[in-house]
Amino acid sequence: MKKYVIAGLLGAAAIGSFGAGLVVSATPARAIPVFDASNYAQNVLTAARTLQQINQQIQSLQNEAQMLANMEKHLSRIDFPQLDQLRQKLATIDRLMGQAQRIDFRVDQLDAKFRALFPDSFDQTLRLDRRVADARARLDTAMAGFQQTMTVQAQVVENVRDDAQVLSEIVAKSQGAEGDLQAAQATNQLLALTAKQQFQLQQLMAAQFRSESIEQARRVQEAQEARAATRKFLGNGKAYTPD
């Protein structure tokens, strides 16, 4: 009896499955979406690699832009109005040196002017007033030389005070230089300032030595004239004959 019941149930299940199959087959067929995990992972990996390449390209462009900016800094220049000031000061010293009187700094005329003031021989026939005038001319020349030296010295001292301010400005620009060109320009300005100071020192020494040379020549000339006047006054010793 039990066997018949089980057989009947199995038969009913089979008939129900067949009927359900008929019902399902009667409805329209629909596509069932399928998720491919392997394909999805490959797409994600491809997108990640593409994003990495884009980031690398962006970084490369940023590096190139920074390099161009640095090159622009290295090529940027600095305006230095101090250079014109240095030239003007040297020109002022040159003008003062050109104002030398009597015996100036022109080599082509030096010998003639020196011989005129300081002759090698003494004309015994010269009158006293002429000798006094010549001595006065030599004294005036020596005084003019000392006065010019003092003028040049005063100008040099004034330039040194101004150079201290120029030095501070150049050093400030050197410390704030953005690139190699600006640093090189600042260095050149410092060298120009040093050269300018050396030039004016040489000119000062030339003026000083000139005045001292004129004074020494004047003293030698006076000594020679004094000896010549003494010899003329004494004569040969035979002018006086006692009775």
Protein backbone atom coordinates (compact mmCIF):
# COMPACT_ATOMS: atom_id res chain seq x y z
CA MET A 1 0.00 0.00 0.00
CA LYS A 2 2.85 2.34 0.91
CA LYS A 3 4.58 1.66 -2.38
CA TYR A 4 1.46 2.69 -4.30
CA VAL A 5 1.17 5.95 -2.41
CA ILE A 6 4.80 6.90 -3.17
CA ALA A 7 4.39 5.97 -6.80
CA GLY A 8 1.30 8.11 -7.02
CA LEU A 9 3.05 11.11 -5.49
CA LEU A 10 5.96 10.81 -7.87
CA GLY A 11 3.60 10.63 -10.78
CA ALA A 12 1.72 13.71 -9.65
CA ALA A 13 5.00 15.61 -9.24
CA ALA A 14 6.04 14.64 -12.71
CA ILE A 15 2.69 15.73 -14.16
CA GLY A 16 2.98 19.04 -12.22
CA SER A 17 6.47 19.67 -13.51
CA PHE A 18 5.32 18.95 -17.03
CA GLY A 19 2.40 21.34 -16.62
CA ALA A 20 4.64 24.04 -15.21
CA GLY A 21 6.94 23.56 -18.14
CA LEU A 22 4.03 24.08 -20.48
CA VAL A 23 3.03 27.25 -18.67
CA VAL A 24 6.58 28.66 -18.71
CA SER A 25 7.05 27.84 -22.36
CA ALA A 26 3.90 29.72 -23.16
CA THR A 27 5.37 33.08 -21.80
CA PRO A 28 7.95 35.15 -23.89
CA ALA A 29 11.69 34.41 -23.24
CA ARG A 30 13.80 37.15 -21.36
CA ALA A 31 17.64 37.61 -21.25
CA ILE A 32 19.15 37.00 -17.84
CA PRO A 33 22.15 39.41 -17.08
CA VAL A 34 25.38 37.64 -16.36
CA PHE A 35 28.22 39.33 -14.24
CA ASP A 36 31.67 38.47 -15.55
CA ALA A 37 34.02 39.11 -12.63
CA SER A 38 37.16 38.40 -14.65
CA ASN A 39 36.28 40.97 -17.36
CA TYR A 40 35.36 43.57 -14.73
CA ALA A 41 38.69 43.15 -12.96
CA GLN A 42 40.57 43.56 -16.24
CA ASN A 43 38.71 46.77 -17.06
CA VAL A 44 39.45 48.20 -13.61
CA LEU A 45 43.13 47.37 -14.02
CA THR A 46 43.22 49.01 -17.45
CA ALA A 47 41.57 52.17 -16.10
CA ALA A 48 44.04 52.33 -13.19
CA ARG A 49 47.00 52.05 -15.52
CA THR A 50 45.57 54.74 -17.80
CA LEU A 51 45.08 57.06 -14.81
CA GLN A 52 48.65 56.42 -13.68
CA GLN A 53 49.97 57.34 -17.13
CA ILE A 54 47.93 60.57 -17.10
CA ASN A 55 49.32 61.44 -13.66
CA GLN A 56 52.85 60.84 -14.89
CA GLN A 57 52.25 63.10 -17.89
CA ILE A 58 50.86 65.82 -15.64
CA GLN A 59 53.90 65.55 -13.35
CA SER A 60 56.21 65.75 -16.34
CA LEU A 61 54.47 68.90 -17.58
CA GLN A 62 54.73 70.42 -14.12
CA ASN A 63 58.44 69.67 -14.01
CA GLU A 64 58.94 71.26 -17.42
CA ALA A 65 56.98 74.32 -16.32
CA GLN A 66 59.15 74.61 -13.18
CA MET A 67 62.28 74.22 -15.28
CA LEU A 68 61.17 77.03 -17.60
CA ALA A 69 60.38 79.21 -14.59
CA ASN A 70 63.86 78.57 -13.19
CA MET A 71 65.42 79.36 -16.54
CA GLU A 72 63.50 82.64 -16.62
CA LYS A 73 64.84 83.47 -13.16
CA HIS A 74 68.39 82.66 -14.24
CA LEU A 75 68.02 84.95 -17.27
CA SER A 76 66.33 87.83 -15.44
CA ARG A 77 68.39 91.02 -15.17
CA ILE A 78 68.82 93.67 -12.50
CA ASP A 79 68.77 97.37 -13.15
CA PHE A 80 71.80 99.06 -11.64
CA PRO A 81 71.58 102.88 -11.59
CA GLN A 82 74.62 102.76 -9.29
CA LEU A 83 76.85 102.11 -12.31
CA ASP A 84 76.03 105.51 -13.77
CA GLN A 85 76.76 107.07 -10.39
CA LEU A 86 80.19 105.46 -10.35
CA ARG A 87 80.92 106.79 -13.82
CA GLN A 88 79.83 110.28 -12.84
CA LYS A 89 82.10 110.27 -9.81
CA LEU A 90 85.07 109.16 -11.88
CA ALA A 91 84.25 111.88 -14.39
CA THR A 92 84.24 114.43 -11.55
CA ILE A 93 87.69 113.27 -10.43
CA ASP A 94 88.92 113.49 -14.02
CA ARG A 95 87.69 117.07 -14.29
CA LEU A 96 89.49 117.99 -11.08
CA MET A 97 92.68 116.39 -12.36
CA GLY A 98 92.33 118.36 -15.58
CA GLN A 99 92.24 121.63 -13.63
CA ALA A 100 95.90 121.34 -12.69
CA GLN A 101 97.64 124.67 -13.27
CA ARG A 102 101.10 125.56 -14.50
CA ILE A 103 102.46 122.02 -14.50
CA ASP A 104 99.62 119.71 -15.41
CA PHE A 105 99.43 116.00 -16.23
CA ARG A 106 100.06 116.28 -19.96
CA VAL A 107 103.25 114.47 -20.83
CA ASP A 108 103.84 116.32 -24.11
CA GLN A 109 103.96 119.70 -22.34
CA LEU A 110 105.48 118.68 -19.03
CA ASP A 111 109.13 119.13 -19.92
CA ALA A 112 108.72 122.61 -21.41
CA LYS A 113 106.66 123.89 -18.51
CA PHE A 114 109.03 122.41 -15.95
CA ARG A 115 112.08 123.96 -17.64
CA ALA A 116 110.35 127.32 -17.77
CA LEU A 117 109.76 127.33 -14.03
CA PHE A 118 112.92 125.53 -13.02
CA PRO A 119 115.77 126.36 -15.42
CA ASP A 120 119.11 124.62 -15.17
CA SER A 121 121.22 127.76 -15.57
CA PHE A 122 120.88 131.19 -14.05
CA ASP A 123 121.25 134.31 -16.10
CA GLN A 124 123.44 136.68 -14.12
CA THR A 125 122.04 139.63 -16.01
CA LEU A 126 118.50 139.11 -14.78
CA ARG A 127 117.23 141.96 -12.71
CA LEU A 128 116.10 141.46 -9.18
CA ASP A 129 112.45 142.13 -9.95
CA ARG A 130 112.52 139.43 -12.65
CA ARG A 131 114.00 136.94 -10.22
CA VAL A 132 111.39 137.85 -7.66
CA ALA A 133 108.65 137.35 -10.26
CA ASP A 134 110.04 133.93 -11.20
CA ALA A 135 110.24 132.92 -7.57
CA ARG A 136 106.68 134.10 -7.09
CA ALA A 137 105.54 132.04 -10.09
CA ARG A 138 107.16 128.93 -8.65
CA LEU A 139 105.58 129.57 -5.28
CA ASP A 140 102.17 130.06 -6.89
CA THR A 141 102.64 126.81 -8.81
CA ALA A 142 103.47 124.92 -5.63
CA MET A 143 100.51 126.43 -3.80
CA ALA A 144 98.19 125.61 -6.70
CA GLY A 145 99.47 122.03 -6.65
CA PHE A 146 98.74 121.66 -2.96
CA GLN A 147 95.32 123.26 -3.37
CA GLN A 148 94.42 120.91 -6.20
CA THR A 149 95.57 117.92 -4.15
CA MET A 150 93.36 118.97 -1.28
CA THR A 151 90.44 119.43 -3.67
CA VAL A 152 90.91 115.93 -5.07
CA GLN A 153 91.22 114.55 -1.54
CA ALA A 154 87.98 116.23 -0.51
CA GLN A 155 86.19 114.80 -3.54
CA VAL A 156 87.54 111.32 -2.84
CA VAL A 157 86.38 111.49 0.77
CA GLU A 158 82.94 112.58 -0.38
CA ASN A 159 82.85 109.71 -2.87
CA VAL A 160 83.76 107.24 -0.13
CA ARG A 161 80.73 108.30 1.89
CA ASP A 162 78.51 107.82 -1.14
CA ASP A 163 80.17 104.52 -1.98
CA ALA A 164 79.14 103.13 1.40
CA GLN A 165 75.48 103.61 0.43
CA VAL A 166 76.10 102.16 -3.03
CA LEU A 167 77.79 99.15 -1.46
CA SER A 168 74.78 98.51 0.77
CA GLU A 169 72.41 98.67 -2.21
CA ILE A 170 74.52 96.31 -4.31
CA VAL A 171 74.87 93.80 -1.48
CA ALA A 172 71.10 93.88 -0.92
CA LYS A 173 70.50 93.12 -4.59
CA SER A 174 73.10 90.38 -4.49
CA GLN A 175 71.45 88.71 -1.53
CA GLY A 176 68.03 88.96 -3.19
CA ALA A 177 69.20 87.66 -6.57
CA GLU A 178 66.80 85.13 -8.09
CA GLY A 179 69.12 83.51 -10.61
CA ASP A 180 72.67 83.18 -11.81
CA LEU A 181 72.53 86.23 -14.07
CA GLN A 182 71.40 88.55 -11.30
CA ALA A 183 74.07 87.16 -8.97
CA ALA A 184 76.71 87.65 -11.67
CA GLN A 185 75.51 91.20 -12.29
CA ALA A 186 75.73 92.02 -8.59
CA THR A 187 79.24 90.60 -8.49
CA ASN A 188 80.24 92.72 -11.48
CA GLN A 189 78.85 95.80 -9.77
CA LEU A 190 80.93 95.08 -6.68
CA LEU A 191 84.00 94.69 -8.90
CA ALA A 192 83.16 97.96 -10.65
CA LEU A 193 82.92 99.72 -7.29
CA THR A 194 86.30 98.30 -6.28
CA ALA A 195 87.88 99.35 -9.58
CA LYS A 196 86.42 102.84 -9.22
CA GLN A 197 87.95 103.21 -5.76
CA GLN A 198 91.31 102.05 -7.07
CA PHE A 199 91.13 104.53 -9.95
CA GLN A 200 90.42 107.47 -7.70
CA LEU A 201 93.15 106.33 -5.30
CA GLN A 202 95.64 106.35 -8.17
CA GLN A 203 94.50 109.82 -9.18
CA LEU A 204 94.80 111.04 -5.61
CA MET A 205 98.33 109.66 -5.39
CA ALA A 206 99.21 111.33 -8.69
CA ALA A 207 97.94 114.69 -7.44
CA GLN A 208 99.75 114.27 -4.12
CA PHE A 209 103.05 113.27 -5.68
CA ARG A 210 102.77 116.11 -8.20
CA SER A 211 102.38 118.73 -5.50
CA GLU A 212 105.24 117.26 -3.46
CA SER A 213 107.48 117.12 -6.52
CA ILE A 214 106.75 120.74 -7.39
CA GLU A 215 107.50 121.84 -3.83
CA GLN A 216 110.75 119.92 -3.71
CA ALA A 217 111.77 121.34 -7.08
CA ARG A 218 110.94 124.84 -5.84
CA ARG A 219 113.13 124.41 -2.78
CA VAL A 220 116.02 123.09 -4.84
CA GLN A 221 115.64 125.98 -7.25
CA GLU A 222 115.67 128.50 -4.45
CA ALA A 223 118.78 126.92 -2.98
CA GLN A 224 120.55 127.03 -6.33
CA GLU A 225 119.56 130.64 -6.90
CA ALA A 226 120.71 131.56 -3.40
CA ARG A 227 124.12 130.03 -4.06
CA ALA A 228 124.34 131.80 -7.40
CA ALA A 229 123.42 135.12 -5.78
CA THR A 230 126.03 134.52 -3.08
CA ARG A 231 128.76 133.84 -5.63
CA LYS A 232 127.80 136.96 -7.54
CA PHE A 233 127.89 139.00 -4.37
CA LEU A 234 131.28 137.67 -3.30
CA GLY A 235 132.79 137.83 -6.75
CA ASN A 236 136.41 136.72 -7.19
CA GLY A 237 137.63 138.33 -3.97
CA LYS A 238 139.66 141.03 -5.79
CA ALA A 239 137.06 143.75 -5.90
CA TYR A 240 138.34 145.34 -2.66
CA THR A 241 141.96 146.40 -2.29
CA PRO A 242 143.04 147.97 0.97
CA ASP A 243 145.07 151.20 0.82
